[in-house]
Protein backbone atom coordinates (compact mmCIF):
# COMPACT_ATOMS: atom_id res chain seq x y z
CA UNK A 1 0.00 0.00 0.00
CA UNK A 2 1.34 3.42 -0.94
CA UNK A 3 1.69 6.05 1.76
CA UNK A 4 -0.03 9.43 1.75
CA UNK A 5 3.31 11.04 0.84
CA UNK A 6 3.92 8.66 -2.05
CA UNK A 7 0.50 9.25 -3.57
CA UNK A 8 0.60 13.01 -3.09
CA UNK A 9 4.01 13.01 -4.81
CA UNK A 10 2.48 11.09 -7.73
CA UNK A 11 -0.40 13.57 -7.90
CA UNK A 12 2.00 16.52 -7.87
CA UNK A 13 3.84 15.26 -10.95
CA UNK A 14 0.68 14.17 -12.79
CA UNK A 15 -0.84 17.01 -14.81
CA UNK A 16 -4.45 17.78 -13.97
CA UNK A 17 -6.70 16.94 -16.94
CA UNK A 18 -7.53 19.79 -19.28
CA UNK A 19 -11.11 20.91 -19.77
CA UNK A 20 -12.68 19.12 -22.75
CA UNK A 21 -15.10 20.38 -25.39
CA UNK A 22 -17.80 17.91 -24.29
CA UNK A 23 -20.08 19.60 -21.75
CA UNK A 24 -20.77 16.50 -19.67
CA UNK A 25 -17.12 15.56 -19.39
CA UNK A 26 -16.25 19.20 -18.74
CA UNK A 27 -18.71 19.32 -15.84
CA UNK A 28 -17.17 16.16 -14.44
CA UNK A 29 -13.65 17.63 -14.72
CA UNK A 30 -14.85 20.69 -12.77
CA UNK A 31 -16.16 18.39 -10.04
CA UNK A 32 -12.88 16.48 -10.14
CA UNK A 33 -11.02 19.71 -9.40
CA UNK A 34 -13.18 20.28 -6.31
CA UNK A 35 -12.89 16.69 -5.13
CA UNK A 36 -9.13 16.72 -5.67
CA UNK A 37 -8.79 19.73 -3.37
CA UNK A 38 -11.10 18.18 -0.79
CA UNK A 39 -9.17 14.90 -0.66
CA UNK A 40 -5.84 16.74 -0.53
CA UNK A 41 -7.17 18.71 2.45
CA UNK A 42 -8.27 15.50 4.16
CA UNK A 43 -4.81 14.01 3.58
CA UNK A 44 -3.16 17.03 5.21
CA UNK A 45 -5.62 16.88 8.10
CA UNK A 46 -4.93 13.17 8.64
CA UNK A 47 -1.15 13.71 8.60
CA UNK A 48 -1.54 16.55 11.13
CA UNK A 49 -3.47 14.25 13.46
CA UNK A 50 -6.82 15.90 12.85
CA UNK A 51 -10.18 14.21 12.58
CA UNK A 52 -11.05 12.68 9.22
CA UNK A 53 -14.29 10.82 8.67
CA UNK A 54 -12.70 8.04 6.64
CA UNK A 55 -15.96 6.22 6.06
CA UNK A 56 -17.59 9.33 4.62
CA UNK A 57 -14.53 10.09 2.49
CA UNK A 58 -14.52 6.54 1.14
CA UNK A 59 -18.22 6.75 0.30
CA UNK A 60 -17.70 10.05 -1.49
CA UNK A 61 -14.86 8.51 -3.51
CA UNK A 62 -17.06 5.55 -4.46
CA UNK A 63 -19.84 7.90 -5.53
CA UNK A 64 -17.39 9.97 -7.57
CA UNK A 65 -15.97 6.88 -9.26
CA UNK A 66 -19.46 5.67 -10.07
CA UNK A 67 -20.25 9.01 -11.70
CA UNK A 68 -17.12 8.64 -13.85
CA UNK A 69 -18.20 5.13 -14.86
CA UNK A 70 -21.44 6.60 -16.20
CA UNK A 71 -19.62 8.90 -18.63
CA UNK A 72 -19.26 7.93 -22.28
CA UNK A 73 -15.90 6.32 -23.01
CA UNK A 74 -15.49 7.85 -26.49
CA UNK A 75 -16.01 11.40 -27.73
CA UNK A 76 -16.28 13.11 -31.10
CA UNK A 77 -13.31 15.39 -30.43
CA UNK A 78 -10.06 13.37 -30.40
CA UNK A 79 -8.67 15.63 -27.67
CA UNK A 80 -11.63 14.73 -25.44
CA UNK A 81 -10.75 11.05 -25.74
CA UNK A 82 -7.24 11.84 -24.47
CA UNK A 83 -8.70 13.98 -21.68
CA UNK A 84 -11.02 11.10 -20.69
CA UNK A 85 -7.98 8.82 -20.30
CA UNK A 86 -6.17 11.50 -18.29
CA UNK A 87 -9.24 11.80 -16.04
CA UNK A 88 -9.24 8.05 -15.51
CA UNK A 89 -5.58 8.10 -14.46
CA UNK A 90 -6.06 11.10 -12.18
CA UNK A 91 -9.13 9.56 -10.55
CA UNK A 92 -7.20 6.34 -9.85
CA UNK A 93 -4.54 8.40 -8.07
CA UNK A 94 -7.20 10.12 -5.96
CA UNK A 95 -8.68 6.72 -5.11
CA UNK A 96 -5.17 5.62 -4.07
CA UNK A 97 -4.88 8.69 -1.86
CA UNK A 98 -8.21 7.89 -0.19
CA UNK A 99 -6.95 4.34 0.42
CA UNK A 100 -3.70 5.70 1.87
CA UNK A 101 -5.68 7.99 4.20
CA UNK A 102 -7.82 5.05 5.28
CA UNK A 103 -4.70 2.95 5.93
CA UNK A 104 -2.96 5.77 7.80
CA UNK A 105 -5.97 6.36 10.06
CA UNK A 106 -6.26 2.65 10.89
CA UNK A 107 -2.68 2.50 12.23
C-alpha atoms as a PDB file:
ATOM      1  CA  UNK A   1       0.000   0.000   0.000  1.00  0.00           C
ATOM      2  CA  UNK A   2       1.338   3.418  -0.941  1.00  0.00           C
ATOM      3  CA  UNK A   3       1.692   6.046   1.756  1.00  0.00           C
ATOM      4  CA  UNK A   4      -0.029   9.430   1.746  1.00  0.00           C
ATOM      5  CA  UNK A   5       3.307  11.037   0.836  1.00  0.00           C
ATOM      6  CA  UNK A   6       3.919   8.662  -2.055  1.00  0.00           C
ATOM      7  CA  UNK A   7       0.496   9.250  -3.569  1.00  0.00           C
ATOM      8  CA  UNK A   8       0.601  13.014  -3.090  1.00  0.00           C
ATOM      9  CA  UNK A   9       4.005  13.009  -4.815  1.00  0.00           C
ATOM     10  CA  UNK A  10       2.484  11.092  -7.727  1.00  0.00           C
ATOM     11  CA  UNK A  11      -0.395  13.568  -7.905  1.00  0.00           C
ATOM     12  CA  UNK A  12       1.997  16.517  -7.868  1.00  0.00           C
ATOM     13  CA  UNK A  13       3.838  15.258 -10.949  1.00  0.00           C
ATOM     14  CA  UNK A  14       0.682  14.174 -12.793  1.00  0.00           C
ATOM     15  CA  UNK A  15      -0.845  17.006 -14.810  1.00  0.00           C
ATOM     16  CA  UNK A  16      -4.447  17.775 -13.970  1.00  0.00           C
ATOM     17  CA  UNK A  17      -6.700  16.943 -16.944  1.00  0.00           C
ATOM     18  CA  UNK A  18      -7.526  19.795 -19.283  1.00  0.00           C
ATOM     19  CA  UNK A  19     -11.108  20.906 -19.773  1.00  0.00           C
ATOM     20  CA  UNK A  20     -12.683  19.119 -22.745  1.00  0.00           C
ATOM     21  CA  UNK A  21     -15.105  20.380 -25.385  1.00  0.00           C
ATOM     22  CA  UNK A  22     -17.797  17.913 -24.294  1.00  0.00           C
ATOM     23  CA  UNK A  23     -20.076  19.596 -21.753  1.00  0.00           C
ATOM     24  CA  UNK A  24     -20.770  16.496 -19.674  1.00  0.00           C
ATOM     25  CA  UNK A  25     -17.124  15.564 -19.387  1.00  0.00           C
ATOM     26  CA  UNK A  26     -16.247  19.200 -18.742  1.00  0.00           C
ATOM     27  CA  UNK A  27     -18.712  19.322 -15.843  1.00  0.00           C
ATOM     28  CA  UNK A  28     -17.169  16.156 -14.435  1.00  0.00           C
ATOM     29  CA  UNK A  29     -13.648  17.630 -14.717  1.00  0.00           C
ATOM     30  CA  UNK A  30     -14.845  20.692 -12.775  1.00  0.00           C
ATOM     31  CA  UNK A  31     -16.161  18.386 -10.044  1.00  0.00           C
ATOM     32  CA  UNK A  32     -12.876  16.478 -10.139  1.00  0.00           C
ATOM     33  CA  UNK A  33     -11.019  19.712  -9.396  1.00  0.00           C
ATOM     34  CA  UNK A  34     -13.184  20.284  -6.308  1.00  0.00           C
ATOM     35  CA  UNK A  35     -12.889  16.690  -5.132  1.00  0.00           C
ATOM     36  CA  UNK A  36      -9.128  16.717  -5.673  1.00  0.00           C
ATOM     37  CA  UNK A  37      -8.790  19.728  -3.374  1.00  0.00           C
ATOM     38  CA  UNK A  38     -11.101  18.183  -0.790  1.00  0.00           C
ATOM     39  CA  UNK A  39      -9.171  14.900  -0.663  1.00  0.00           C
ATOM     40  CA  UNK A  40      -5.843  16.745  -0.528  1.00  0.00           C
ATOM     41  CA  UNK A  41      -7.165  18.708   2.448  1.00  0.00           C
ATOM     42  CA  UNK A  42      -8.266  15.503   4.156  1.00  0.00           C
ATOM     43  CA  UNK A  43      -4.810  14.010   3.583  1.00  0.00           C
ATOM     44  CA  UNK A  44      -3.158  17.028   5.206  1.00  0.00           C
ATOM     45  CA  UNK A  45      -5.623  16.876   8.100  1.00  0.00           C
ATOM     46  CA  UNK A  46      -4.927  13.169   8.636  1.00  0.00           C
ATOM     47  CA  UNK A  47      -1.155  13.714   8.596  1.00  0.00           C
ATOM     48  CA  UNK A  48      -1.543  16.552  11.129  1.00  0.00           C
ATOM     49  CA  UNK A  49      -3.468  14.246  13.464  1.00  0.00           C
ATOM     50  CA  UNK A  50      -6.825  15.898  12.852  1.00  0.00           C
ATOM     51  CA  UNK A  51     -10.181  14.209  12.584  1.00  0.00           C
ATOM     52  CA  UNK A  52     -11.049  12.681   9.224  1.00  0.00           C
ATOM     53  CA  UNK A  53     -14.292  10.820   8.669  1.00  0.00           C
ATOM     54  CA  UNK A  54     -12.696   8.040   6.640  1.00  0.00           C
ATOM     55  CA  UNK A  55     -15.959   6.221   6.064  1.00  0.00           C
ATOM     56  CA  UNK A  56     -17.591   9.333   4.619  1.00  0.00           C
ATOM     57  CA  UNK A  57     -14.527  10.094   2.493  1.00  0.00           C
ATOM     58  CA  UNK A  58     -14.519   6.536   1.142  1.00  0.00           C
ATOM     59  CA  UNK A  59     -18.225   6.749   0.304  1.00  0.00           C
ATOM     60  CA  UNK A  60     -17.695  10.052  -1.493  1.00  0.00           C
ATOM     61  CA  UNK A  61     -14.863   8.508  -3.506  1.00  0.00           C
ATOM     62  CA  UNK A  62     -17.064   5.546  -4.460  1.00  0.00           C
ATOM     63  CA  UNK A  63     -19.844   7.901  -5.527  1.00  0.00           C
ATOM     64  CA  UNK A  64     -17.393   9.974  -7.567  1.00  0.00           C
ATOM     65  CA  UNK A  65     -15.966   6.882  -9.261  1.00  0.00           C
ATOM     66  CA  UNK A  66     -19.464   5.673 -10.066  1.00  0.00           C
ATOM     67  CA  UNK A  67     -20.250   9.014 -11.704  1.00  0.00           C
ATOM     68  CA  UNK A  68     -17.123   8.641 -13.851  1.00  0.00           C
ATOM     69  CA  UNK A  69     -18.196   5.130 -14.857  1.00  0.00           C
ATOM     70  CA  UNK A  70     -21.442   6.603 -16.198  1.00  0.00           C
ATOM     71  CA  UNK A  71     -19.617   8.904 -18.626  1.00  0.00           C
ATOM     72  CA  UNK A  72     -19.261   7.925 -22.282  1.00  0.00           C
ATOM     73  CA  UNK A  73     -15.903   6.319 -23.013  1.00  0.00           C
ATOM     74  CA  UNK A  74     -15.486   7.845 -26.493  1.00  0.00           C
ATOM     75  CA  UNK A  75     -16.010  11.395 -27.733  1.00  0.00           C
ATOM     76  CA  UNK A  76     -16.280  13.109 -31.103  1.00  0.00           C
ATOM     77  CA  UNK A  77     -13.311  15.392 -30.430  1.00  0.00           C
ATOM     78  CA  UNK A  78     -10.063  13.365 -30.402  1.00  0.00           C
ATOM     79  CA  UNK A  79      -8.672  15.629 -27.666  1.00  0.00           C
ATOM     80  CA  UNK A  80     -11.626  14.731 -25.439  1.00  0.00           C
ATOM     81  CA  UNK A  81     -10.747  11.051 -25.735  1.00  0.00           C
ATOM     82  CA  UNK A  82      -7.243  11.838 -24.466  1.00  0.00           C
ATOM     83  CA  UNK A  83      -8.703  13.976 -21.677  1.00  0.00           C
ATOM     84  CA  UNK A  84     -11.015  11.101 -20.693  1.00  0.00           C
ATOM     85  CA  UNK A  85      -7.982   8.820 -20.303  1.00  0.00           C
ATOM     86  CA  UNK A  86      -6.170  11.497 -18.294  1.00  0.00           C
ATOM     87  CA  UNK A  87      -9.236  11.796 -16.043  1.00  0.00           C
ATOM     88  CA  UNK A  88      -9.243   8.050 -15.512  1.00  0.00           C
ATOM     89  CA  UNK A  89      -5.584   8.102 -14.459  1.00  0.00           C
ATOM     90  CA  UNK A  90      -6.057  11.099 -12.175  1.00  0.00           C
ATOM     91  CA  UNK A  91      -9.129   9.556 -10.547  1.00  0.00           C
ATOM     92  CA  UNK A  92      -7.196   6.338  -9.848  1.00  0.00           C
ATOM     93  CA  UNK A  93      -4.538   8.400  -8.075  1.00  0.00           C
ATOM     94  CA  UNK A  94      -7.197  10.121  -5.955  1.00  0.00           C
ATOM     95  CA  UNK A  95      -8.675   6.716  -5.107  1.00  0.00           C
ATOM     96  CA  UNK A  96      -5.172   5.616  -4.073  1.00  0.00           C
ATOM     97  CA  UNK A  97      -4.884   8.692  -1.860  1.00  0.00           C
ATOM     98  CA  UNK A  98      -8.210   7.889  -0.186  1.00  0.00           C
ATOM     99  CA  UNK A  99      -6.954   4.336   0.419  1.00  0.00           C
ATOM    100  CA  UNK A 100      -3.705   5.703   1.870  1.00  0.00           C
ATOM    101  CA  UNK A 101      -5.676   7.989   4.198  1.00  0.00           C
ATOM    102  CA  UNK A 102      -7.818   5.047   5.282  1.00  0.00           C
ATOM    103  CA  UNK A 103      -4.698   2.949   5.929  1.00  0.00           C
ATOM    104  CA  UNK A 104      -2.963   5.768   7.803  1.00  0.00           C
ATOM    105  CA  UNK A 105      -5.966   6.362  10.060  1.00  0.00           C
ATOM    106  CA  UNK A 106      -6.260   2.650  10.886  1.00  0.00           C
ATOM    107  CA  UNK A 107      -2.681   2.497  12.226  1.00  0.00           C
END
